[in-house]
Amino acid sequence: MTELEFRPWRDGDDLALLEIFGDPASPHAHQDRTMFRADSDTPFVRSLVATDQGIAVAAGVVFASTLHPQRLWLYVEVAREHRRTGLGTELVQRLRALIPAGETTELKARYTRTPGTDAAAAAGFCESLGMKQIQVARDVIIEPGGLVLPFFEDSGLVLEDIATGSVELTKLVVEFYNATHQWDHAQMSLGSAQKMLLDDATGAQGVVVLRDKPKALGGKILTFAISYTPARVESPADVLLGWNPELSEDESAEPIRGMLAMLVHQHPVKLEVDESMFVLSSLVDALIRADHATVISTTHIVATA
């Protein structure tokens, strides 16, 4: 093999690497490729491309997230014929050397398992970097018929449509997100919640909330569900199901079950659920055992510390 050269990211590298790498193995891999970008100091980003006789054969990136400042995201991808040569490890070493003083040196990454695919190589690579698992997230299709609808009454539990720009909703989304990301400290704000989860550009189509009683009677939101445009027309809607973090696990159980029952009353939906969402995760486990839910991918998030 000829000696490889390493250089910063350039315009057009994304198309060149697509020809080498081929189609991404999963939607998460597709998202991860968007991490590759030109170097920047605000926010901090460093990308390197490895070339063999001028042809790009691998790339790696580290970048800082204002939403999760505790660690830098790391993503590395190597062309198939150059794997198991130490190239990925060398890219990480070179990227580490580019991290300036004062910036966190802790890294996090992820790899995804889907039915019929093997993520052993990615898992082994992350382990070789000293990374350990900090979270597991599953993408799950929930089918109709597995849950009993909640009981509604005039002065009690009520389902309500709400605008994505609602200040009440946005505040609750912020509180929910930060509360469920203590494993990777989050600094979600009202502005970032709107931009990342509620803006039209995110694909957010609508929101429903479950209140303990009508808003006119002082009812508070117990759970909310944000639906997003699916990647394919025939696919189930993507839904972010959240709840009021002031509720205890016991207090949130029925509102979560009731909201999910309403969502899948007639059509399936797709949820992402991780281990920090204990009540929802347990409910999903029960639905899987009853053949009313199917895991379509499992993503392992790993970190150096």
C-alpha atoms as a PDB file:
ATOM      1  CA  MET A   1       0.000   0.000   0.000  1.00  0.00           C
ATOM      2  CA  THR A   2       1.307   3.478  -0.803  1.00  0.00           C
ATOM      3  CA  GLU A   3       1.840   5.961   2.022  1.00  0.00           C
ATOM      4  CA  LEU A   4      -1.363   7.751   2.919  1.00  0.00           C
ATOM      5  CA  GLU A   5      -1.648  11.512   3.211  1.00  0.00           C
ATOM      6  CA  PHE A   6      -3.902  13.454   5.599  1.00  0.00           C
ATOM      7  CA  ARG A   7      -5.469  16.824   4.879  1.00  0.00           C
ATOM      8  CA  PRO A   8      -8.356  19.034   6.101  1.00  0.00           C
ATOM      9  CA  TRP A   9     -11.861  18.675   4.697  1.00  0.00           C
ATOM     10  CA  ARG A  10     -12.554  20.323   1.341  1.00  0.00           C
ATOM     11  CA  ASP A  11     -15.688  21.193  -0.603  1.00  0.00           C
ATOM     12  CA  GLY A  12     -16.693  18.194  -2.673  1.00  0.00           C
ATOM     13  CA  ASP A  13     -15.271  15.598  -0.289  1.00  0.00           C
ATOM     14  CA  ASP A  14     -18.775  14.484   0.666  1.00  0.00           C
ATOM     15  CA  LEU A  15     -19.513  13.416  -2.920  1.00  0.00           C
ATOM     16  CA  ALA A  16     -16.094  11.827  -3.377  1.00  0.00           C
ATOM     17  CA  LEU A  17     -16.437   9.810  -0.173  1.00  0.00           C
ATOM     18  CA  LEU A  18     -19.991   8.768  -1.061  1.00  0.00           C
ATOM     19  CA  GLU A  19     -18.576   7.027  -4.132  1.00  0.00           C
ATOM     20  CA  ILE A  20     -16.023   5.230  -1.948  1.00  0.00           C
ATOM     21  CA  PHE A  21     -18.219   4.416   1.054  1.00  0.00           C
ATOM     22  CA  GLY A  22     -21.468   3.650  -0.771  1.00  0.00           C
ATOM     23  CA  ASP A  23     -24.892   4.154   0.760  1.00  0.00           C
ATOM     24  CA  PRO A  24     -25.047   4.531   4.568  1.00  0.00           C
ATOM     25  CA  ALA A  25     -25.935   1.351   6.452  1.00  0.00           C
ATOM     26  CA  SER A  26     -28.658   3.051   8.524  1.00  0.00           C
ATOM     27  CA  PRO A  27     -30.465   6.402   8.943  1.00  0.00           C
ATOM     28  CA  HIS A  28     -28.148   7.104  11.886  1.00  0.00           C
ATOM     29  CA  ALA A  29     -25.103   6.554   9.670  1.00  0.00           C
ATOM     30  CA  HIS A  30     -26.606   8.985   7.168  1.00  0.00           C
ATOM     31  CA  GLN A  31     -26.941  11.584   9.951  1.00  0.00           C
ATOM     32  CA  ASP A  32     -23.414  10.891  11.174  1.00  0.00           C
ATOM     33  CA  ARG A  33     -21.960  11.636   7.745  1.00  0.00           C
ATOM     34  CA  THR A  34     -23.357  15.149   8.017  1.00  0.00           C
ATOM     35  CA  MET A  35     -20.824  15.703  10.826  1.00  0.00           C
ATOM     36  CA  PHE A  36     -18.071  15.987   8.194  1.00  0.00           C
ATOM     37  CA  ARG A  37     -17.506  19.670   7.535  1.00  0.00           C
ATOM     38  CA  ALA A  38     -14.863  22.351   7.146  1.00  0.00           C
ATOM     39  CA  ASP A  39     -12.746  23.291  10.172  1.00  0.00           C
ATOM     40  CA  SER A  40     -14.163  25.923  12.506  1.00  0.00           C
ATOM     41  CA  ASP A  41     -13.388  27.438  15.898  1.00  0.00           C
ATOM     42  CA  THR A  42     -16.918  28.581  16.735  1.00  0.00           C
ATOM     43  CA  PRO A  43     -18.192  25.946  17.179  1.00  0.00           C
ATOM     44  CA  PHE A  44     -15.040  23.868  17.350  1.00  0.00           C
ATOM     45  CA  VAL A  45     -14.779  21.415  14.427  1.00  0.00           C
ATOM     46  CA  ARG A  46     -11.816  19.562  12.998  1.00  0.00           C
ATOM     47  CA  SER A  47     -12.107  17.174  10.054  1.00  0.00           C
ATOM     48  CA  LEU A  48      -9.389  15.121   8.373  1.00  0.00           C
ATOM     49  CA  VAL A  49      -9.448  13.193   5.127  1.00  0.00           C
ATOM     50  CA  ALA A  50      -7.014  10.379   4.398  1.00  0.00           C
ATOM     51  CA  THR A  51      -6.029  10.022   0.736  1.00  0.00           C
ATOM     52  CA  ASP A  52      -4.299   7.252  -1.189  1.00  0.00           C
ATOM     53  CA  GLN A  53      -2.607   8.600  -4.328  1.00  0.00           C
ATOM     54  CA  GLY A  54      -4.901  11.615  -4.118  1.00  0.00           C
ATOM     55  CA  ILE A  55      -8.097   9.586  -3.726  1.00  0.00           C
ATOM     56  CA  ALA A  56     -10.065  10.035  -0.480  1.00  0.00           C
ATOM     57  CA  VAL A  57     -10.349   6.696   1.345  1.00  0.00           C
ATOM     58  CA  ALA A  58     -11.266   7.684   4.921  1.00  0.00           C
ATOM     59  CA  ALA A  59     -12.385  10.624   6.985  1.00  0.00           C
ATOM     60  CA  GLY A  60     -12.789  11.562  10.626  1.00  0.00           C
ATOM     61  CA  VAL A  61     -14.246  14.490  12.531  1.00  0.00           C
ATOM     62  CA  VAL A  62     -14.487  15.803  16.082  1.00  0.00           C
ATOM     63  CA  PHE A  63     -16.800  18.655  16.954  1.00  0.00           C
ATOM     64  CA  ALA A  64     -18.250  20.433  19.938  1.00  0.00           C
ATOM     65  CA  SER A  65     -21.951  20.651  20.663  1.00  0.00           C
ATOM     66  CA  THR A  66     -23.380  23.560  22.621  1.00  0.00           C
ATOM     67  CA  LEU A  67     -26.310  21.299  23.488  1.00  0.00           C
ATOM     68  CA  HIS A  68     -24.099  18.587  25.014  1.00  0.00           C
ATOM     69  CA  PRO A  69     -20.838  20.341  26.009  1.00  0.00           C
ATOM     70  CA  GLN A  70     -19.399  17.561  28.176  1.00  0.00           C
ATOM     71  CA  ARG A  71     -17.912  15.604  25.254  1.00  0.00           C
ATOM     72  CA  LEU A  72     -16.853  16.040  21.638  1.00  0.00           C
ATOM     73  CA  TRP A  73     -18.640  14.004  18.988  1.00  0.00           C
ATOM     74  CA  LEU A  74     -16.361  11.677  17.063  1.00  0.00           C
ATOM     75  CA  TYR A  75     -17.159  10.052  13.738  1.00  0.00           C
ATOM     76  CA  VAL A  76     -14.759   8.035  11.581  1.00  0.00           C
ATOM     77  CA  GLU A  77     -15.455   6.113   8.394  1.00  0.00           C
ATOM     78  CA  VAL A  78     -12.965   4.081   6.357  1.00  0.00           C
ATOM     79  CA  ALA A  79     -13.352   2.554   2.900  1.00  0.00           C
ATOM     80  CA  ARG A  80     -13.828  -1.202   3.067  1.00  0.00           C
ATOM     81  CA  GLU A  81     -10.494  -2.130   1.458  1.00  0.00           C
ATOM     82  CA  HIS A  82      -8.599   0.056   3.971  1.00  0.00           C
ATOM     83  CA  ARG A  83     -10.235  -1.282   7.113  1.00  0.00           C
ATOM     84  CA  ARG A  84      -8.338  -3.270   9.749  1.00  0.00           C
ATOM     85  CA  THR A  85      -5.122  -1.481   8.809  1.00  0.00           C
ATOM     86  CA  GLY A  86      -4.989   0.936  11.749  1.00  0.00           C
ATOM     87  CA  LEU A  87      -6.154   3.840   9.587  1.00  0.00           C
ATOM     88  CA  GLY A  88      -9.188   4.613  11.766  1.00  0.00           C
ATOM     89  CA  THR A  89      -7.029   4.657  14.895  1.00  0.00           C
ATOM     90  CA  GLU A  90      -4.498   6.958  13.243  1.00  0.00           C
ATOM     91  CA  LEU A  91      -7.260   9.351  12.217  1.00  0.00           C
ATOM     92  CA  VAL A  92      -8.460   9.525  15.830  1.00  0.00           C
ATOM     93  CA  GLN A  93      -4.907  10.155  17.098  1.00  0.00           C
ATOM     94  CA  ARG A  94      -4.418  12.947  14.598  1.00  0.00           C
ATOM     95  CA  LEU A  95      -7.790  14.477  15.463  1.00  0.00           C
ATOM     96  CA  ARG A  96      -6.977  14.360  19.184  1.00  0.00           C
ATOM     97  CA  ALA A  97      -3.774  16.275  18.465  1.00  0.00           C
ATOM     98  CA  LEU A  98      -5.864  19.059  16.901  1.00  0.00           C
ATOM     99  CA  ILE A  99      -7.981  19.636  20.019  1.00  0.00           C
ATOM    100  CA  PRO A 100      -6.844  22.957  21.541  1.00  0.00           C
ATOM    101  CA  ALA A 101      -6.100  23.570  25.195  1.00  0.00           C
ATOM    102  CA  GLY A 102      -9.260  24.476  27.095  1.00  0.00           C
ATOM    103  CA  GLU A 103     -11.504  22.268  24.961  1.00  0.00           C
ATOM    104  CA  THR A 104     -12.785  19.015  26.427  1.00  0.00           C
ATOM    105  CA  THR A 105     -10.813  15.979  25.281  1.00  0.00           C
ATOM    106  CA  GLU A 106     -13.528  13.446  26.167  1.00  0.00           C
ATOM    107  CA  LEU A 107     -15.099  11.834  23.110  1.00  0.00           C
ATOM    108  CA  LYS A 108     -18.400  10.147  22.355  1.00  0.00           C
ATOM    109  CA  ALA A 109     -19.573   8.165  19.359  1.00  0.00           C
ATOM    110  CA  ARG A 110     -22.324   5.766  18.355  1.00  0.00           C
ATOM    111  CA  TYR A 111     -22.905   2.692  16.261  1.00  0.00           C
ATOM    112  CA  THR A 112     -26.183   1.149  15.167  1.00  0.00           C
ATOM    113  CA  ARG A 113     -27.345  -2.431  14.825  1.00  0.00           C
ATOM    114  CA  THR A 114     -30.228  -3.214  12.487  1.00  0.00           C
ATOM    115  CA  PRO A 115     -31.760  -6.626  11.712  1.00  0.00           C
ATOM    116  CA  GLY A 116     -29.419  -8.513   9.427  1.00  0.00           C
ATOM    117  CA  THR A 117     -26.385  -6.271  10.040  1.00  0.00           C
ATOM    118  CA  ASP A 118     -23.329  -6.810  12.193  1.00  0.00           C
ATOM    119  CA  ALA A 119     -21.865  -3.892  14.169  1.00  0.00           C
ATOM    120  CA  ALA A 120     -19.116  -5.972  15.783  1.00  0.00           C
ATOM    121  CA  ALA A 121     -16.351  -4.121  13.919  1.00  0.00           C
ATOM    122  CA  ALA A 122     -17.652  -0.706  15.004  1.00  0.00           C
ATOM    123  CA  ALA A 123     -18.115  -1.931  18.569  1.00  0.00           C
ATOM    124  CA  GLY A 124     -14.579  -3.328  18.639  1.00  0.00           C
ATOM    125  CA  PHE A 125     -13.128  -0.111  17.225  1.00  0.00           C
ATOM    126  CA  CYS A 126     -14.849   1.997  19.877  1.00  0.00           C
ATOM    127  CA  GLU A 127     -13.683  -0.371  22.589  1.00  0.00           C
ATOM    128  CA  SER A 128     -10.100  -0.104  21.312  1.00  0.00           C
ATOM    129  CA  LEU A 129     -10.343   3.660  21.843  1.00  0.00           C
ATOM    130  CA  GLY A 130     -11.254   3.103  25.503  1.00  0.00           C
ATOM    131  CA  MET A 131     -14.915   3.935  24.983  1.00  0.00           C
ATOM    132  CA  LYS A 132     -17.608   2.432  27.174  1.00  0.00           C
ATOM    133  CA  GLN A 133     -21.362   2.356  26.696  1.00  0.00           C
ATOM    134  CA  ILE A 134     -23.287   5.237  28.262  1.00  0.00           C
ATOM    135  CA  GLN A 135     -26.680   4.746  26.614  1.00  0.00           C
ATOM    136  CA  VAL A 136     -28.719   2.433  24.374  1.00  0.00           C
ATOM    137  CA  ALA A 137     -31.501   3.800  22.191  1.00  0.00           C
ATOM    138  CA  ARG A 138     -33.997   1.806  20.148  1.00  0.00           C
ATOM    139  CA  ASP A 139     -36.087   2.799  17.153  1.00  0.00           C
ATOM    140  CA  VAL A 140     -39.360   0.925  17.553  1.00  0.00           C
ATOM    141  CA  ILE A 141     -42.519   0.581  15.468  1.00  0.00           C
ATOM    142  CA  ILE A 142     -45.612   0.437  17.691  1.00  0.00           C
ATOM    143  CA  GLU A 143     -48.634  -1.241  16.115  1.00  0.00           C
ATOM    144  CA  PRO A 144     -52.348  -0.567  16.839  1.00  0.00           C
ATOM    145  CA  GLY A 145     -54.314  -2.842  19.108  1.00  0.00           C
ATOM    146  CA  GLY A 146     -51.999  -3.310  22.048  1.00  0.00           C
ATOM    147  CA  LEU A 147     -53.248  -0.600  24.400  1.00  0.00           C
ATOM    148  CA  VAL A 148     -56.612   0.358  25.892  1.00  0.00           C
ATOM    149  CA  LEU A 149     -57.699   3.950  25.256  1.00  0.00           C
ATOM    150  CA  PRO A 150     -57.778   6.276  28.271  1.00  0.00           C
ATOM    151  CA  PHE A 151     -61.084   7.459  29.745  1.00  0.00           C
ATOM    152  CA  PHE A 152     -61.965  11.119  29.135  1.00  0.00           C
ATOM    153  CA  GLU A 153     -64.488  13.288  30.964  1.00  0.00           C
ATOM    154  CA  ASP A 154     -65.510  16.949  30.797  1.00  0.00           C
ATOM    155  CA  SER A 155     -63.656  18.057  33.924  1.00  0.00           C
ATOM    156  CA  GLY A 156     -60.880  15.458  33.822  1.00  0.00           C
ATOM    157  CA  LEU A 157     -58.305  14.055  31.420  1.00  0.00           C
ATOM    158  CA  VAL A 158     -58.354  15.819  28.041  1.00  0.00           C
ATOM    159  CA  LEU A 159     -56.437  15.450  24.749  1.00  0.00           C
ATOM    160  CA  GLU A 160     -55.658  18.754  23.067  1.00  0.00           C
ATOM    161  CA  ASP A 161     -53.946  19.991  19.896  1.00  0.00           C
ATOM    162  CA  ILE A 162     -51.365  22.662  20.613  1.00  0.00           C
ATOM    163  CA  ALA A 163     -49.251  24.943  18.419  1.00  0.00           C
ATOM    164  CA  THR A 164     -45.584  24.049  17.954  1.00  0.00           C
ATOM    165  CA  GLY A 165     -44.778  27.644  18.865  1.00  0.00           C
ATOM    166  CA  SER A 166     -46.549  27.470  22.216  1.00  0.00           C
ATOM    167  CA  VAL A 167     -44.366  28.875  25.012  1.00  0.00           C
ATOM    168  CA  GLU A 168     -45.970  26.442  27.480  1.00  0.00           C
ATOM    169  CA  LEU A 169     -45.068  23.510  25.243  1.00  0.00           C
ATOM    170  CA  THR A 170     -41.547  24.756  24.479  1.00  0.00           C
ATOM    171  CA  LYS A 171     -40.732  25.162  28.178  1.00  0.00           C
ATOM    172  CA  LEU A 172     -41.935  21.626  28.860  1.00  0.00           C
ATOM    173  CA  VAL A 173     -39.904  20.219  25.956  1.00  0.00           C
ATOM    174  CA  VAL A 174     -36.793  21.910  27.379  1.00  0.00           C
ATOM    175  CA  GLU A 175     -37.440  20.517  30.876  1.00  0.00           C
ATOM    176  CA  PHE A 176     -38.124  17.036  29.507  1.00  0.00           C
ATOM    177  CA  TYR A 177     -35.048  16.953  27.273  1.00  0.00           C
ATOM    178  CA  ASN A 178     -32.662  18.134  29.967  1.00  0.00           C
ATOM    179  CA  ALA A 179     -34.160  15.757  32.555  1.00  0.00           C
ATOM    180  CA  THR A 180     -33.798  12.713  30.289  1.00  0.00           C
ATOM    181  CA  HIS A 181     -30.219  13.507  29.248  1.00  0.00           C
ATOM    182  CA  GLN A 182     -28.462  13.534  32.572  1.00  0.00           C
ATOM    183  CA  TRP A 183     -26.268  10.728  31.191  1.00  0.00           C
ATOM    184  CA  ASP A 184     -24.884  13.263  28.677  1.00  0.00           C
ATOM    185  CA  HIS A 185     -25.430  16.645  30.338  1.00  0.00           C
ATOM    186  CA  ALA A 186     -27.742  18.760  28.185  1.00  0.00           C
ATOM    187  CA  GLN A 187     -28.158  22.524  27.985  1.00  0.00           C
ATOM    188  CA  MET A 188     -31.332  22.713  25.932  1.00  0.00           C
ATOM    189  CA  SER A 189     -32.803  26.239  25.808  1.00  0.00           C
ATOM    190  CA  LEU A 190     -36.089  27.651  24.535  1.00  0.00           C
ATOM    191  CA  GLY A 191     -34.394  28.758  21.324  1.00  0.00           C
ATOM    192  CA  SER A 192     -32.651  25.456  20.675  1.00  0.00           C
ATOM    193  CA  ALA A 193     -35.845  23.502  21.437  1.00  0.00           C
ATOM    194  CA  GLN A 194     -37.689  25.484  18.811  1.00  0.00           C
ATOM    195  CA  LYS A 195     -34.874  25.170  16.271  1.00  0.00           C
ATOM    196  CA  MET A 196     -34.098  21.476  16.797  1.00  0.00           C
ATOM    197  CA  LEU A 197     -37.442  19.921  17.738  1.00  0.00           C
ATOM    198  CA  LEU A 198     -40.369  22.220  16.969  1.00  0.00           C
ATOM    199  CA  ASP A 199     -39.536  24.334  13.925  1.00  0.00           C
ATOM    200  CA  ASP A 200     -41.138  23.567  10.555  1.00  0.00           C
ATOM    201  CA  ALA A 201     -37.663  22.856   9.176  1.00  0.00           C
ATOM    202  CA  THR A 202     -37.369  19.843  11.503  1.00  0.00           C
ATOM    203  CA  GLY A 203     -40.385  18.259   9.837  1.00  0.00           C
ATOM    204  CA  ALA A 204     -42.588  18.792  12.900  1.00  0.00           C
ATOM    205  CA  GLN A 205     -46.167  18.403  11.684  1.00  0.00           C
ATOM    206  CA  GLY A 206     -48.185  18.855  14.846  1.00  0.00           C
ATOM    207  CA  VAL A 207     -48.392  18.354  18.578  1.00  0.00           C
ATOM    208  CA  VAL A 208     -50.984  16.854  20.902  1.00  0.00           C
ATOM    209  CA  VAL A 209     -50.869  17.055  24.686  1.00  0.00           C
ATOM    210  CA  LEU A 210     -52.637  15.154  27.426  1.00  0.00           C
ATOM    211  CA  ARG A 211     -53.768  17.371  30.334  1.00  0.00           C
ATOM    212  CA  ASP A 212     -55.012  16.273  33.715  1.00  0.00           C
ATOM    213  CA  LYS A 213     -58.008  18.598  33.146  1.00  0.00           C
ATOM    214  CA  PRO A 214     -58.993  21.275  30.606  1.00  0.00           C
ATOM    215  CA  LYS A 215     -56.617  24.224  30.341  1.00  0.00           C
ATOM    216  CA  ALA A 216     -59.490  26.583  31.232  1.00  0.00           C
ATOM    217  CA  LEU A 217     -59.688  24.804  34.585  1.00  0.00           C
ATOM    218  CA  GLY A 218     -55.963  25.156  35.210  1.00  0.00           C
ATOM    219  CA  GLY A 219     -55.007  21.793  33.718  1.00  0.00           C
ATOM    220  CA  LYS A 220     -51.314  21.009  33.346  1.00  0.00           C
ATOM    221  CA  ILE A 221     -49.687  19.013  30.562  1.00  0.00           C
ATOM    222  CA  LEU A 222     -48.900  15.453  31.607  1.00  0.00           C
ATOM    223  CA  THR A 223     -47.542  14.150  28.293  1.00  0.00           C
ATOM    224  CA  PHE A 224     -46.935  15.496  24.782  1.00  0.00           C
ATOM    225  CA  ALA A 225     -46.357  13.953  21.362  1.00  0.00           C
ATOM    226  CA  ILE A 226     -44.653  15.718  18.446  1.00  0.00           C
ATOM    227  CA  SER A 227     -45.135  14.071  15.053  1.00  0.00           C
ATOM    228  CA  TYR A 228     -42.593  14.446  12.260  1.00  0.00           C
ATOM    229  CA  THR A 229     -42.741  13.790   8.539  1.00  0.00           C
ATOM    230  CA  PRO A 230     -41.389  10.253   7.947  1.00  0.00           C
ATOM    231  CA  ALA A 231     -38.406   9.669   5.666  1.00  0.00           C
ATOM    232  CA  ARG A 232     -40.655   7.717   3.280  1.00  0.00           C
ATOM    233  CA  VAL A 233     -44.316   8.394   2.567  1.00  0.00           C
ATOM    234  CA  GLU A 234     -45.353   4.810   3.325  1.00  0.00           C
ATOM    235  CA  SER A 235     -43.501   4.742   6.659  1.00  0.00           C
ATOM    236  CA  PRO A 236     -45.149   5.334  10.058  1.00  0.00           C
ATOM    237  CA  ALA A 237     -44.939   8.853  11.449  1.00  0.00           C
ATOM    238  CA  ASP A 238     -41.906   9.580  13.604  1.00  0.00           C
ATOM    239  CA  VAL A 239     -43.075  10.667  17.056  1.00  0.00           C
ATOM    240  CA  LEU A 240     -41.291  12.199  20.022  1.00  0.00           C
ATOM    241  CA  LEU A 241     -43.285  11.192  23.089  1.00  0.00           C
ATOM    242  CA  GLY A 242     -42.404  13.150  26.215  1.00  0.00           C
ATOM    243  CA  TRP A 243     -43.819  13.898  29.637  1.00  0.00           C
ATOM    244  CA  ASN A 244     -43.754  16.384  32.473  1.00  0.00           C
ATOM    245  CA  PRO A 245     -40.537  15.577  34.399  1.00  0.00           C
ATOM    246  CA  GLU A 246     -42.142  16.839  37.615  1.00  0.00           C
ATOM    247  CA  LEU A 247     -44.161  13.610  37.632  1.00  0.00           C
ATOM    248  CA  SER A 248     -42.774  10.591  39.434  1.00  0.00           C
ATOM    249  CA  GLU A 249     -42.419   7.316  37.530  1.00  0.00           C
ATOM    250  CA  ASP A 250     -45.668   6.065  39.085  1.00  0.00           C
ATOM    251  CA  GLU A 251     -47.483   9.317  38.261  1.00  0.00           C
ATOM    252  CA  SER A 252     -46.285   9.325  34.647  1.00  0.00           C
ATOM    253  CA  ALA A 253     -47.088   5.686  33.863  1.00  0.00           C
ATOM    254  CA  GLU A 254     -50.780   6.062  32.979  1.00  0.00           C
ATOM    255  CA  PRO A 255     -50.386   9.371  31.071  1.00  0.00           C
ATOM    256  CA  ILE A 256     -47.604   7.820  28.982  1.00  0.00           C
ATOM    257  CA  ARG A 257     -49.659   4.702  28.342  1.00  0.00           C
ATOM    258  CA  GLY A 258     -52.729   6.805  27.516  1.00  0.00           C
ATOM    259  CA  MET A 259     -50.876   9.048  25.068  1.00  0.00           C
ATOM    260  CA  LEU A 260     -49.325   6.099  23.277  1.00  0.00           C
ATOM    261  CA  ALA A 261     -52.720   4.377  23.096  1.00  0.00           C
ATOM    262  CA  MET A 262     -54.183   7.459  21.405  1.00  0.00           C
ATOM    263  CA  LEU A 263     -51.255   7.715  18.969  1.00  0.00           C
ATOM    264  CA  VAL A 264     -51.569   4.104  17.770  1.00  0.00           C
ATOM    265  CA  HIS A 265     -55.337   3.791  17.955  1.00  0.00           C
ATOM    266  CA  GLN A 266     -55.591   3.476  14.157  1.00  0.00           C
ATOM    267  CA  HIS A 267     -52.089   3.707  12.698  1.00  0.00           C
ATOM    268  CA  PRO A 268     -48.586   2.580  13.692  1.00  0.00           C
ATOM    269  CA  VAL A 269     -45.986   5.098  14.830  1.00  0.00           C
ATOM    270  CA  LYS A 270     -42.215   5.032  15.202  1.00  0.00           C
ATOM    271  CA  LEU A 271     -40.625   6.019  18.509  1.00  0.00           C
ATOM    272  CA  GLU A 272     -37.059   6.388  19.692  1.00  0.00           C
ATOM    273  CA  VAL A 273     -36.729   5.270  23.289  1.00  0.00           C
ATOM    274  CA  ASP A 274     -33.609   4.967  25.418  1.00  0.00           C
ATOM    275  CA  GLU A 275     -32.840   3.496  28.813  1.00  0.00           C
ATOM    276  CA  SER A 276     -33.206   6.840  30.605  1.00  0.00           C
ATOM    277  CA  MET A 277     -36.922   6.705  29.718  1.00  0.00           C
ATOM    278  CA  PHE A 278     -37.628   3.891  32.161  1.00  0.00           C
ATOM    279  CA  VAL A 279     -41.445   3.980  32.116  1.00  0.00           C
ATOM    280  CA  LEU A 280     -41.768   4.273  28.326  1.00  0.00           C
ATOM    281  CA  SER A 281     -38.993   1.716  27.784  1.00  0.00           C
ATOM    282  CA  SER A 282     -40.744  -0.776  30.077  1.00  0.00           C
ATOM    283  CA  LEU A 283     -44.026  -0.227  28.245  1.00  0.00           C
ATOM    284  CA  VAL A 284     -42.303  -0.797  24.898  1.00  0.00           C
ATOM    285  CA  ASP A 285     -40.751  -4.007  26.243  1.00  0.00           C
ATOM    286  CA  ALA A 286     -44.234  -5.277  27.175  1.00  0.00           C
ATOM    287  CA  LEU A 287     -45.560  -4.417  23.712  1.00  0.00           C
ATOM    288  CA  ILE A 288     -42.638  -6.232  22.071  1.00  0.00           C
ATOM    289  CA  ARG A 289     -43.358  -9.356  24.104  1.00  0.00           C
ATOM    290  CA  ALA A 290     -47.015  -9.140  23.032  1.00  0.00           C
ATOM    291  CA  ASP A 291     -46.027  -8.757  19.339  1.00  0.00           C
ATOM    292  CA  HIS A 292     -47.447  -5.242  19.163  1.00  0.00           C
ATOM    293  CA  ALA A 293     -44.058  -3.580  18.666  1.00  0.00           C
ATOM    294  CA  THR A 294     -40.911  -4.270  16.637  1.00  0.00           C
ATOM    295  CA  VAL A 295     -37.383  -2.979  17.174  1.00  0.00           C
ATOM    296  CA  ILE A 296     -35.982  -1.819  13.830  1.00  0.00           C
ATOM    297  CA  SER A 297     -32.605  -0.577  15.080  1.00  0.00           C
ATOM    298  CA  THR A 298     -30.564  -0.346  18.267  1.00  0.00           C
ATOM    299  CA  THR A 299     -28.010   2.427  18.693  1.00  0.00           C
ATOM    300  CA  HIS A 300     -25.206   2.167  21.239  1.00  0.00           C
ATOM    301  CA  ILE A 301     -23.757   5.485  22.445  1.00  0.00           C
ATOM    302  CA  VAL A 302     -20.246   5.145  23.839  1.00  0.00           C
ATOM    303  CA  ALA A 303     -17.798   7.590  25.420  1.00  0.00           C
ATOM    304  CA  THR A 304     -14.286   7.797  26.797  1.00  0.00           C
ATOM    305  CA  ALA A 305     -15.625   8.994  30.170  1.00  0.00           C
END
